Amino acid sequence: MSLFKRKKPEEKLSFKLEMAEKMIRNRLRYATERDGDTDSVIGKNGGFNVRDGQLIVSADNRVIFRCNIEEMSVSELMSLEGVIITAPDIESGGKVRTIICYYVYYR
């Protein structure tokens, strides 16, 4: 039965790389971390970068989140104004974190 089961597009590496490329074309307005039922702001005014197979999110002139692209789970917000990233964070010792990154909107 697993022979005919397809992978979800979000689980494929090509989708994750495509989302990473889409993220680095945008600036970060602010990022929040979801911890249970609460969201707390962890950084403002930053950006995204990809280096050595890792996605780096920086804000307030510091790195707030770093993960391997292969291990991350990423999805866009329904409004297309940001992304939700869940992955083991290298900056915090491998703890699995969920952050929501909102893009700067230019008119």
PDB file of N, CA and C in Angstrom:
ATOM      1  N   MET A   1       0.815  -1.190   0.000  1.00  0.00           N
ATOM      2  CA  MET A   1       0.000   0.000   0.000  1.00  0.00           C
ATOM      3  C   MET A   1       0.864   1.261   0.000  1.00  0.00           C
ATOM      4  N   SER A   2       2.016   1.208   0.647  1.00  0.00           N
ATOM      5  CA  SER A   2       2.873   2.389   0.668  1.00  0.00           C
ATOM      6  C   SER A   2       3.547   2.619  -0.681  1.00  0.00           C
ATOM      7  N   LEU A   3       3.447   1.649  -1.560  1.00  0.00           N
ATOM      8  CA  LEU A   3       4.033   1.775  -2.884  1.00  0.00           C
ATOM      9  C   LEU A   3       3.373   2.903  -3.679  1.00  0.00           C
ATOM     10  N   PHE A   4       2.077   3.095  -3.493  1.00  0.00           N
ATOM     11  CA  PHE A   4       1.335   4.089  -4.259  1.00  0.00           C
ATOM     12  C   PHE A   4       1.116   5.386  -3.496  1.00  0.00           C
ATOM     13  N   LYS A   5       1.605   5.454  -2.296  1.00  0.00           N
ATOM     14  CA  LYS A   5       1.418   6.659  -1.487  1.00  0.00           C
ATOM     15  C   LYS A   5       2.404   7.736  -1.941  1.00  0.00           C
ATOM     16  N   ARG A   6       1.906   8.929  -2.187  1.00  0.00           N
ATOM     17  CA  ARG A   6       2.752  10.037  -2.619  1.00  0.00           C
ATOM     18  C   ARG A   6       3.155  10.885  -1.424  1.00  0.00           C
ATOM     19  N   LYS A   7       4.310  11.485  -1.551  1.00  0.00           N
ATOM     20  CA  LYS A   7       4.742  12.441  -0.542  1.00  0.00           C
ATOM     21  C   LYS A   7       3.962  13.731  -0.722  1.00  0.00           C
ATOM     22  N   LYS A   8       3.684  14.389   0.384  1.00  0.00           N
ATOM     23  CA  LYS A   8       3.072  15.705   0.290  1.00  0.00           C
ATOM     24  C   LYS A   8       4.102  16.661  -0.297  1.00  0.00           C
ATOM     25  N   PRO A   9       3.675  17.645  -1.054  1.00  0.00           N
ATOM     26  CA  PRO A   9       4.649  18.573  -1.644  1.00  0.00           C
ATOM     27  C   PRO A   9       5.484  19.298  -0.584  1.00  0.00           C
ATOM     28  N   GLU A  10       4.912  19.547   0.593  1.00  0.00           N
ATOM     29  CA  GLU A  10       5.636  20.251   1.646  1.00  0.00           C
ATOM     30  C   GLU A  10       6.789  19.434   2.210  1.00  0.00           C
ATOM     31  N   GLU A  11       6.779  18.127   2.008  1.00  0.00           N
ATOM     32  CA  GLU A  11       7.825  17.265   2.547  1.00  0.00           C
ATOM     33  C   GLU A  11       9.009  17.112   1.587  1.00  0.00           C
ATOM     34  N   LYS A  12       8.856  17.546   0.351  1.00  0.00           N
ATOM     35  CA  LYS A  12       9.921  17.389  -0.639  1.00  0.00           C
ATOM     36  C   LYS A  12      10.974  18.475  -0.467  1.00  0.00           C
ATOM     37  N   LEU A  13      12.218  18.112  -0.692  1.00  0.00           N
ATOM     38  CA  LEU A  13      13.325  19.057  -0.570  1.00  0.00           C
ATOM     39  C   LEU A  13      13.204  20.186  -1.590  1.00  0.00           C
ATOM     40  N   SER A  14      12.706  19.877  -2.778  1.00  0.00           N
ATOM     41  CA  SER A  14      12.562  20.912  -3.809  1.00  0.00           C
ATOM     42  C   SER A  14      11.590  22.004  -3.364  1.00  0.00           C
ATOM     43  N   PHE A  15      10.516  21.623  -2.669  1.00  0.00           N
ATOM     44  CA  PHE A  15       9.563  22.608  -2.153  1.00  0.00           C
ATOM     45  C   PHE A  15      10.214  23.475  -1.084  1.00  0.00           C
ATOM     46  N   LYS A  16      10.990  22.849  -0.201  1.00  0.00           N
ATOM     47  CA  LYS A  16      11.652  23.594   0.873  1.00  0.00           C
ATOM     48  C   LYS A  16      12.671  24.582   0.317  1.00  0.00           C
ATOM     49  N   LEU A  17      13.417  24.171  -0.704  1.00  0.00           N
ATOM     50  CA  LEU A  17      14.383  25.072  -1.335  1.00  0.00           C
ATOM     51  C   LEU A  17      13.678  26.219  -2.053  1.00  0.00           C
ATOM     52  N   GLU A  18      12.565  25.911  -2.687  1.00  0.00           N
ATOM     53  CA  GLU A  18      11.787  26.947  -3.367  1.00  0.00           C
ATOM     54  C   GLU A  18      11.253  27.971  -2.366  1.00  0.00           C
ATOM     55  N   MET A  19      10.773  27.501  -1.221  1.00  0.00           N
ATOM     56  CA  MET A  19      10.271  28.410  -0.187  1.00  0.00           C
ATOM     57  C   MET A  19      11.405  29.242   0.402  1.00  0.00           C
ATOM     58  N   ALA A  20      12.571  28.652   0.573  1.00  0.00           N
ATOM     59  CA  ALA A  20      13.718  29.400   1.093  1.00  0.00           C
ATOM     60  C   ALA A  20      14.105  30.514   0.123  1.00  0.00           C
ATOM     61  N   GLU A  21      14.103  30.219  -1.174  1.00  0.00           N
ATOM     62  CA  GLU A  21      14.408  31.243  -2.176  1.00  0.00           C
ATOM     63  C   GLU A  21      13.356  32.346  -2.167  1.00  0.00           C
ATOM     64  N   LYS A  22      12.112  31.972  -1.953  1.00  0.00           N
ATOM     65  CA  LYS A  22      11.032  32.957  -1.890  1.00  0.00           C
ATOM     66  C   LYS A  22      11.188  33.856  -0.662  1.00  0.00           C
ATOM     67  N   MET A  23      11.625  33.269   0.451  1.00  0.00           N
ATOM     68  CA  MET A  23      11.801  34.044   1.683  1.00  0.00           C
ATOM     69  C   MET A  23      12.915  35.069   1.549  1.00  0.00           C
ATOM     70  N   ILE A  24      14.035  34.690   0.926  1.00  0.00           N
ATOM     71  CA  ILE A  24      15.171  35.613   0.885  1.00  0.00           C
ATOM     72  C   ILE A  24      14.928  36.792  -0.048  1.00  0.00           C
ATOM     73  N   ARG A  25      13.880  36.737  -0.853  1.00  0.00           N
ATOM     74  CA  ARG A  25      13.517  37.892  -1.681  1.00  0.00           C
ATOM     75  C   ARG A  25      12.737  38.939  -0.894  1.00  0.00           C
ATOM     76  N   ASN A  26      12.356  38.621   0.339  1.00  0.00           N
ATOM     77  CA  ASN A  26      11.568  39.529   1.171  1.00  0.00           C
ATOM     78  C   ASN A  26      12.363  39.983   2.382  1.00  0.00           C
ATOM     79  N   ARG A  27      11.976  41.124   2.927  1.00  0.00           N
ATOM     80  CA  ARG A  27      12.540  41.621   4.182  1.00  0.00           C
ATOM     81  C   ARG A  27      11.614  41.200   5.317  1.00  0.00           C
ATOM     82  N   LEU A  28      12.187  41.060   6.497  1.00  0.00           N
ATOM     83  CA  LEU A  28      11.440  40.644   7.681  1.00  0.00           C
ATOM     84  C   LEU A  28      10.928  41.875   8.424  1.00  0.00           C
ATOM     85  N   ARG A  29       9.615  41.951   8.613  1.00  0.00           N
ATOM     86  CA  ARG A  29       9.040  43.033   9.416  1.00  0.00           C
ATOM     87  C   ARG A  29       9.188  42.691  10.889  1.00  0.00           C
ATOM     88  N   TYR A  30       8.689  41.511  11.282  1.00  0.00           N
ATOM     89  CA  TYR A  30       8.907  41.007  12.632  1.00  0.00           C
ATOM     90  C   TYR A  30       8.683  39.506  12.663  1.00  0.00           C
ATOM     91  N   ALA A  31       9.217  38.876  13.707  1.00  0.00           N
ATOM     92  CA  ALA A  31       9.090  37.425  13.878  1.00  0.00           C
ATOM     93  C   ALA A  31       8.556  37.142  15.271  1.00  0.00           C
ATOM     94  N   THR A  32       7.671  36.165  15.359  1.00  0.00           N
ATOM     95  CA  THR A  32       7.139  35.742  16.648  1.00  0.00           C
ATOM     96  C   THR A  32       7.442  34.266  16.836  1.00  0.00           C
ATOM     97  N   GLU A  33       7.518  33.857  18.092  1.00  0.00           N
ATOM     98  CA  GLU A  33       7.709  32.442  18.405  1.00  0.00           C
ATOM     99  C   GLU A  33       6.449  31.926  19.056  1.00  0.00           C
ATOM    100  N   ARG A  34       5.975  30.801  18.559  1.00  0.00           N
ATOM    101  CA  ARG A  34       4.782  30.181  19.115  1.00  0.00           C
ATOM    102  C   ARG A  34       5.217  29.195  20.191  1.00  0.00           C
ATOM    103  N   ASP A  35       4.744  29.425  21.399  1.00  0.00           N
ATOM    104  CA  ASP A  35       5.054  28.556  22.531  1.00  0.00           C
ATOM    105  C   ASP A  35       3.737  28.175  23.185  1.00  0.00           C
ATOM    106  N   GLY A  36       3.199  27.030  22.784  1.00  0.00           N
ATOM    107  CA  GLY A  36       1.891  26.620  23.290  1.00  0.00           C
ATOM    108  C   GLY A  36       0.805  27.461  22.641  1.00  0.00           C
ATOM    109  N   ASP A  37       0.067  28.197  23.469  1.00  0.00           N
ATOM    110  CA  ASP A  37      -1.025  29.024  22.965  1.00  0.00           C
ATOM    111  C   ASP A  37      -0.638  30.483  22.787  1.00  0.00           C
ATOM    112  N   THR A  38       0.580  30.850  23.142  1.00  0.00           N
ATOM    113  CA  THR A  38       0.973  32.255  23.092  1.00  0.00           C
ATOM    114  C   THR A  38       2.035  32.493  22.022  1.00  0.00           C
ATOM    115  N   ASP A  39       1.999  33.688  21.468  1.00  0.00           N
ATOM    116  CA  ASP A  39       3.018  34.130  20.515  1.00  0.00           C
ATOM    117  C   ASP A  39       3.746  35.314  21.130  1.00  0.00           C
ATOM    118  N   SER A  40       5.064  35.288  21.092  1.00  0.00           N
ATOM    119  CA  SER A  40       5.841  36.415  21.605  1.00  0.00           C
ATOM    120  C   SER A  40       6.792  36.898  20.515  1.00  0.00           C
ATOM    121  N   VAL A  41       6.945  38.212  20.419  1.00  0.00           N
ATOM    122  CA  VAL A  41       7.815  38.810  19.407  1.00  0.00           C
ATOM    123  C   VAL A  41       9.264  38.544  19.791  1.00  0.00           C
ATOM    124  N   ILE A  42      10.035  37.965  18.860  1.00  0.00           N
ATOM    125  CA  ILE A  42      11.444  37.664  19.142  1.00  0.00           C
ATOM    126  C   ILE A  42      12.398  38.528  18.334  1.00  0.00           C
ATOM    127  N   GLY A  43      11.876  39.304  17.383  1.00  0.00           N
ATOM    128  CA  GLY A  43      12.749  40.179  16.616  1.00  0.00           C
ATOM    129  C   GLY A  43      11.985  41.014  15.611  1.00  0.00           C
ATOM    130  N   LYS A  44      12.560  42.178  15.277  1.00  0.00           N
ATOM    131  CA  LYS A  44      11.964  43.082  14.292  1.00  0.00           C
ATOM    132  C   LYS A  44      13.044  43.549  13.326  1.00  0.00           C
ATOM    133  N   ASN A  45      12.611  43.939  12.136  1.00  0.00           N
ATOM    134  CA  ASN A  45      13.492  44.525  11.120  1.00  0.00           C
ATOM    135  C   ASN A  45      14.712  43.654  10.824  1.00  0.00           C
ATOM    136  N   GLY A  46      14.531  42.703   9.945  1.00  0.00           N
ATOM    137  CA  GLY A  46      15.638  41.814   9.613  1.00  0.00           C
ATOM    138  C   GLY A  46      15.494  41.235   8.225  1.00  0.00           C
ATOM    139  N   GLY A  47      16.046  40.035   8.065  1.00  0.00           N
ATOM    140  CA  GLY A  47      16.002  39.395   6.765  1.00  0.00           C
ATOM    141  C   GLY A  47      16.308  37.916   6.850  1.00  0.00           C
ATOM    142  N   PHE A  48      16.340  37.298   5.683  1.00  0.00           N
ATOM    143  CA  PHE A  48      16.577  35.866   5.552  1.00  0.00           C
ATOM    144  C   PHE A  48      17.835  35.656   4.725  1.00  0.00           C
ATOM    145  N   ASN A  49      18.514  34.546   4.982  1.00  0.00           N
ATOM    146  CA  ASN A  49      19.705  34.210   4.221  1.00  0.00           C
ATOM    147  C   ASN A  49      19.829  32.691   4.164  1.00  0.00           C
ATOM    148  N   VAL A  50      20.424  32.180   3.090  1.00  0.00           N
ATOM    149  CA  VAL A  50      20.700  30.748   2.958  1.00  0.00           C
ATOM    150  C   VAL A  50      22.200  30.590   2.798  1.00  0.00           C
ATOM    151  N   ARG A  51      22.787  29.764   3.665  1.00  0.00           N
ATOM    152  CA  ARG A  51      24.229  29.526   3.606  1.00  0.00           C
ATOM    153  C   ARG A  51      24.505  28.084   4.022  1.00  0.00           C
ATOM    154  N   ASP A  52      25.232  27.361   3.202  1.00  0.00           N
ATOM    155  CA  ASP A  52      25.638  25.974   3.479  1.00  0.00           C
ATOM    156  C   ASP A  52      24.455  25.076   3.818  1.00  0.00           C
ATOM    157  N   GLY A  53      23.348  25.223   3.101  1.00  0.00           N
ATOM    158  CA  GLY A  53      22.179  24.385   3.331  1.00  0.00           C
ATOM    159  C   GLY A  53      21.396  24.740   4.573  1.00  0.00           C
ATOM    160  N   GLN A  54      21.651  25.903   5.134  1.00  0.00           N
ATOM    161  CA  GLN A  54      20.942  26.352   6.333  1.00  0.00           C
ATOM    162  C   GLN A  54      20.177  27.631   6.035  1.00  0.00           C
ATOM    163  N   LEU A  55      18.978  27.733   6.611  1.00  0.00           N
ATOM    164  CA  LEU A  55      18.197  28.956   6.549  1.00  0.00           C
ATOM    165  C   LEU A  55      18.510  29.760   7.796  1.00  0.00           C
ATOM    166  N   ILE A  56      18.879  31.022   7.615  1.00  0.00           N
ATOM    167  CA  ILE A  56      19.232  31.896   8.728  1.00  0.00           C
ATOM    168  C   ILE A  56      18.242  33.052   8.747  1.00  0.00           C
ATOM    169  N   VAL A  57      17.595  33.254   9.887  1.00  0.00           N
ATOM    170  CA  VAL A  57      16.686  34.380  10.076  1.00  0.00           C
ATOM    171  C   VAL A  57      17.354  35.332  11.055  1.00  0.00           C
ATOM    172  N   SER A  58      17.548  36.569  10.622  1.00  0.00           N
ATOM    173  CA  SER A  58      18.190  37.548  11.496  1.00  0.00           C
ATOM    174  C   SER A  58      17.263  38.739  11.691  1.00  0.00           C
ATOM    175  N   ALA A  59      17.331  39.315  12.888  1.00  0.00           N
ATOM    176  CA  ALA A  59      16.546  40.504  13.233  1.00  0.00           C
ATOM    177  C   ALA A  59      17.264  41.221  14.362  1.00  0.00           C
ATOM    178  N   ASP A  60      17.084  42.531  14.421  1.00  0.00           N
ATOM    179  CA  ASP A  60      17.726  43.341  15.463  1.00  0.00           C
ATOM    180  C   ASP A  60      19.241  43.122  15.482  1.00  0.00           C
ATOM    181  N   ASN A  61      19.840  42.956  14.298  1.00  0.00           N
ATOM    182  CA  ASN A  61      21.292  42.767  14.142  1.00  0.00           C
ATOM    183  C   ASN A  61      21.834  41.530  14.847  1.00  0.00           C
ATOM    184  N   ARG A  62      21.038  40.472  14.935  1.00  0.00           N
ATOM    185  CA  ARG A  62      21.492  39.207  15.507  1.00  0.00           C
ATOM    186  C   ARG A  62      20.724  38.063  14.842  1.00  0.00           C
ATOM    187  N   VAL A  63      21.285  36.872  14.931  1.00  0.00           N
ATOM    188  CA  VAL A  63      20.626  35.685  14.378  1.00  0.00           C
ATOM    189  C   VAL A  63      19.608  35.196  15.402  1.00  0.00           C
ATOM    190  N   ILE A  64      18.341  35.113  14.990  1.00  0.00           N
ATOM    191  CA  ILE A  64      17.302  34.663  15.916  1.00  0.00           C
ATOM    192  C   ILE A  64      16.885  33.222  15.664  1.00  0.00           C
ATOM    193  N   PHE A  65      17.229  32.682  14.475  1.00  0.00           N
ATOM    194  CA  PHE A  65      16.820  31.316  14.146  1.00  0.00           C
ATOM    195  C   PHE A  65      17.723  30.801  13.036  1.00  0.00           C
ATOM    196  N   ARG A  66      18.194  29.564  13.184  1.00  0.00           N
ATOM    197  CA  ARG A  66      19.028  28.917  12.164  1.00  0.00           C
ATOM    198  C   ARG A  66      18.643  27.443  12.126  1.00  0.00           C
ATOM    199  N   CYS A  67      18.359  26.938  10.921  1.00  0.00           N
ATOM    200  CA  CYS A  67      17.984  25.528  10.799  1.00  0.00           C
ATOM    201  C   CYS A  67      18.475  24.976   9.468  1.00  0.00           C
ATOM    202  N   ASN A  68      18.582  23.662   9.395  1.00  0.00           N
ATOM    203  CA  ASN A  68      18.896  22.983   8.140  1.00  0.00           C
ATOM    204  C   ASN A  68      17.635  22.964   7.284  1.00  0.00           C
ATOM    205  N   ILE A  69      17.786  23.291   6.023  1.00  0.00           N
ATOM    206  CA  ILE A  69      16.631  23.358   5.130  1.00  0.00           C
ATOM    207  C   ILE A  69      15.973  21.988   4.991  1.00  0.00           C
ATOM    208  N   GLU A  70      16.768  20.922   5.014  1.00  0.00           N
ATOM    209  CA  GLU A  70      16.226  19.569   4.873  1.00  0.00           C
ATOM    210  C   GLU A  70      15.305  19.192   6.030  1.00  0.00           C
ATOM    211  N   GLU A  71      15.546  19.740   7.220  1.00  0.00           N
ATOM    212  CA  GLU A  71      14.793  19.350   8.412  1.00  0.00           C
ATOM    213  C   GLU A  71      13.600  20.248   8.700  1.00  0.00           C
ATOM    214  N   MET A  72      13.471  21.361   7.990  1.00  0.00           N
ATOM    215  CA  MET A  72      12.423  22.313   8.340  1.00  0.00           C
ATOM    216  C   MET A  72      11.093  21.952   7.702  1.00  0.00           C
ATOM    217  N   SER A  73      10.045  22.376   8.373  1.00  0.00           N
ATOM    218  CA  SER A  73       8.698  22.303   7.838  1.00  0.00           C
ATOM    219  C   SER A  73       8.241  23.743   7.664  1.00  0.00           C
ATOM    220  N   VAL A  74       7.856  24.109   6.455  1.00  0.00           N
ATOM    221  CA  VAL A  74       7.532  25.506   6.176  1.00  0.00           C
ATOM    222  C   VAL A  74       6.213  25.597   5.418  1.00  0.00           C
ATOM    223  N   SER A  75       5.420  26.615   5.746  1.00  0.00           N
ATOM    224  CA  SER A  75       4.181  26.873   5.019  1.00  0.00           C
ATOM    225  C   SER A  75       3.909  28.368   5.022  1.00  0.00           C
ATOM    226  N   GLU A  76       3.235  28.824   3.980  1.00  0.00           N
ATOM    227  CA  GLU A  76       2.907  30.242   3.874  1.00  0.00           C
ATOM    228  C   GLU A  76       1.633  30.542   4.647  1.00  0.00           C
ATOM    229  N   LEU A  77       1.540  31.768   5.132  1.00  0.00           N
ATOM    230  CA  LEU A  77       0.302  32.224   5.743  1.00  0.00           C
ATOM    231  C   LEU A  77      -0.746  32.373   4.646  1.00  0.00           C
ATOM    232  N   MET A  78      -2.001  32.238   5.003  1.00  0.00           N
ATOM    233  CA  MET A  78      -3.056  32.341   3.996  1.00  0.00           C
ATOM    234  C   MET A  78      -3.074  33.713   3.335  1.00  0.00           C
ATOM    235  N   SER A  79      -2.648  34.739   4.052  1.00  0.00           N
ATOM    236  CA  SER A  79      -2.611  36.092   3.500  1.00  0.00           C
ATOM    237  C   SER A  79      -1.394  36.316   2.604  1.00  0.00           C
ATOM    238  N   LEU A  80      -0.468  35.353   2.565  1.00  0.00           N
ATOM    239  CA  LEU A  80       0.797  35.432   1.829  1.00  0.00           C
ATOM    240  C   LEU A  80       1.704  36.543   2.351  1.00  0.00           C
ATOM    241  N   GLU A  81       1.470  36.997   3.584  1.00  0.00           N
ATOM    242  CA  GLU A  81       2.278  38.060   4.188  1.00  0.00           C
ATOM    243  C   GLU A  81       3.387  37.517   5.071  1.00  0.00           C
ATOM    244  N   GLY A  82       3.623  36.202   5.026  1.00  0.00           N
ATOM    245  CA  GLY A  82       4.672  35.624   5.846  1.00  0.00           C
ATOM    246  C   GLY A  82       4.676  34.114   5.770  1.00  0.00           C
ATOM    247  N   VAL A  83       5.508  33.509   6.630  1.00  0.00           N
ATOM    248  CA  VAL A  83       5.657  32.053   6.651  1.00  0.00           C
ATOM    249  C   VAL A  83       5.702  31.543   8.086  1.00  0.00           C
ATOM    250  N   ILE A  84       5.365  30.268   8.232  1.00  0.00           N
ATOM    251  CA  ILE A  84       5.492  29.565   9.505  1.00  0.00           C
ATOM    252  C   ILE A  84       6.591  28.531   9.315  1.00  0.00           C
ATOM    253  N   ILE A  85       7.603  28.579  10.176  1.00  0.00           N
ATOM    254  CA  ILE A  85       8.735  27.655  10.079  1.00  0.00           C
ATOM    255  C   ILE A  85       8.809  26.850  11.370  1.00  0.00           C
ATOM    256  N   THR A  86       8.854  25.534  11.247  1.00  0.00           N
ATOM    257  CA  THR A  86       9.059  24.647  12.390  1.00  0.00           C
ATOM    258  C   THR A  86      10.268  23.779  12.082  1.00  0.00           C
ATOM    259  N   ALA A  87      11.258  23.826  12.984  1.00  0.00           N
ATOM    260  CA  ALA A  87      12.489  23.057  12.760  1.00  0.00           C
ATOM    261  C   ALA A  87      13.335  23.065  14.018  1.00  0.00           C
ATOM    262  N   PRO A  88      14.278  22.111  14.119  1.00  0.00           N
ATOM    263  CA  PRO A  88      15.261  22.178  15.208  1.00  0.00           C
ATOM    264  C   PRO A  88      16.160  23.400  14.992  1.00  0.00           C
ATOM    265  N   ASP A  89      16.224  24.268  15.990  1.00  0.00           N
ATOM    266  CA  ASP A  89      16.994  25.506  15.894  1.00  0.00           C
ATOM    267  C   ASP A  89      18.422  25.268  16.354  1.00  0.00           C
ATOM    268  N   ILE A  90      19.370  25.466  15.464  1.00  0.00           N
ATOM    269  CA  ILE A  90      20.785  25.260  15.778  1.00  0.00           C
ATOM    270  C   ILE A  90      21.260  26.289  16.796  1.00  0.00           C
ATOM    271  N   GLU A  91      20.706  27.502  16.748  1.00  0.00           N
ATOM    272  CA  GLU A  91      21.108  28.571  17.668  1.00  0.00           C
ATOM    273  C   GLU A  91      20.729  28.257  19.114  1.00  0.00           C
ATOM    274  N   SER A  92      19.663  27.494  19.316  1.00  0.00           N
ATOM    275  CA  SER A  92      19.230  27.172  20.679  1.00  0.00           C
ATOM    276  C   SER A  92      19.534  25.721  21.046  1.00  0.00           C
ATOM    277  N   GLY A  93      20.539  25.139  20.433  1.00  0.00           N
ATOM    278  CA  GLY A  93      20.983  23.803  20.803  1.00  0.00           C
ATOM    279  C   GLY A  93      20.138  22.665  20.272  1.00  0.00           C
ATOM    280  N   GLY A  94      19.427  22.861  19.175  1.00  0.00           N
ATOM    281  CA  GLY A  94      18.651  21.777  18.578  1.00  0.00           C
ATOM    282  C   GLY A  94      17.224  21.679  19.059  1.00  0.00           C
ATOM    283  N   LYS A  95      16.768  22.634  19.848  1.00  0.00           N
ATOM    284  CA  LYS A  95      15.380  22.647  20.328  1.00  0.00           C
ATOM    285  C   LYS A  95      14.451  22.925  19.151  1.00  0.00           C
ATOM    286  N   VAL A  96      13.369  22.149  19.044  1.00  0.00           N
ATOM    287  CA  VAL A  96      12.407  22.355  17.967  1.00  0.00           C
ATOM    288  C   VAL A  96      11.570  23.588  18.298  1.00  0.00           C
ATOM    289  N   ARG A  97      11.630  24.569  17.397  1.00  0.00           N
ATOM    290  CA  ARG A  97      10.905  25.825  17.601  1.00  0.00           C
ATOM    291  C   ARG A  97       9.988  26.088  16.416  1.00  0.00           C
ATOM    292  N   THR A  98       8.907  26.795  16.682  1.00  0.00           N
ATOM    293  CA  THR A  98       8.005  27.258  15.636  1.00  0.00           C
ATOM    294  C   THR A  98       8.013  28.770  15.652  1.00  0.00           C
ATOM    295  N   ILE A  99       8.426  29.369  14.525  1.00  0.00           N
ATOM    296  CA  ILE A  99       8.417  30.821  14.431  1.00  0.00           C
ATOM    297  C   ILE A  99       7.546  31.240  13.255  1.00  0.00           C
ATOM    298  N   ILE A 100       6.945  32.404  13.401  1.00  0.00           N
ATOM    299  CA  ILE A 100       6.134  32.989  12.345  1.00  0.00           C
ATOM    300  C   ILE A 100       6.822  34.272  11.917  1.00  0.00           C
ATOM    301  N   CYS A 101       7.171  34.353  10.650  1.00  0.00           N
ATOM    302  CA  CYS A 101       7.887  35.511  10.113  1.00  0.00           C
ATOM    303  C   CYS A 101       6.952  36.289   9.198  1.00  0.00           C
ATOM    304  N   TYR A 102       6.810  37.576   9.476  1.00  0.00           N
ATOM    305  CA  TYR A 102       5.962  38.458   8.681  1.00  0.00           C
ATOM    306  C   TYR A 102       6.842  39.328   7.795  1.00  0.00           C
ATOM    307  N   TYR A 103       6.456  39.446   6.517  1.00  0.00           N
ATOM    308  CA  TYR A 103       7.228  40.216   5.553  1.00  0.00           C
ATOM    309  C   TYR A 103       6.887  41.698   5.635  1.00  0.00           C
ATOM    310  N   VAL A 104       7.835  42.527   5.176  1.00  0.00           N
ATOM    311  CA  VAL A 104       7.573  43.950   5.000  1.00  0.00           C
ATOM    312  C   VAL A 104       6.714  44.091   3.751  1.00  0.00           C
ATOM    313  N   TYR A 105       5.675  44.894   3.857  1.00  0.00           N
ATOM    314  CA  TYR A 105       4.779  45.105   2.723  1.00  0.00           C
ATOM    315  C   TYR A 105       5.061  46.472   2.120  1.00  0.00           C
ATOM    316  N   TYR A 106       5.495  46.486   0.870  1.00  0.00           N
ATOM    317  CA  TYR A 106       5.780  47.737   0.171  1.00  0.00           C
ATOM    318  C   TYR A 106       4.586  48.105  -0.702  1.00  0.00           C
ATOM    319  N   ARG A 107       4.163  49.350  -0.613  1.00  0.00           N
ATOM    320  CA  ARG A 107       3.013  49.798  -1.421  1.00  0.00           C
ATOM    321  C   ARG A 107       3.462  50.504  -2.645  1.00  0.00           C
TER     322      ARG A 107
END
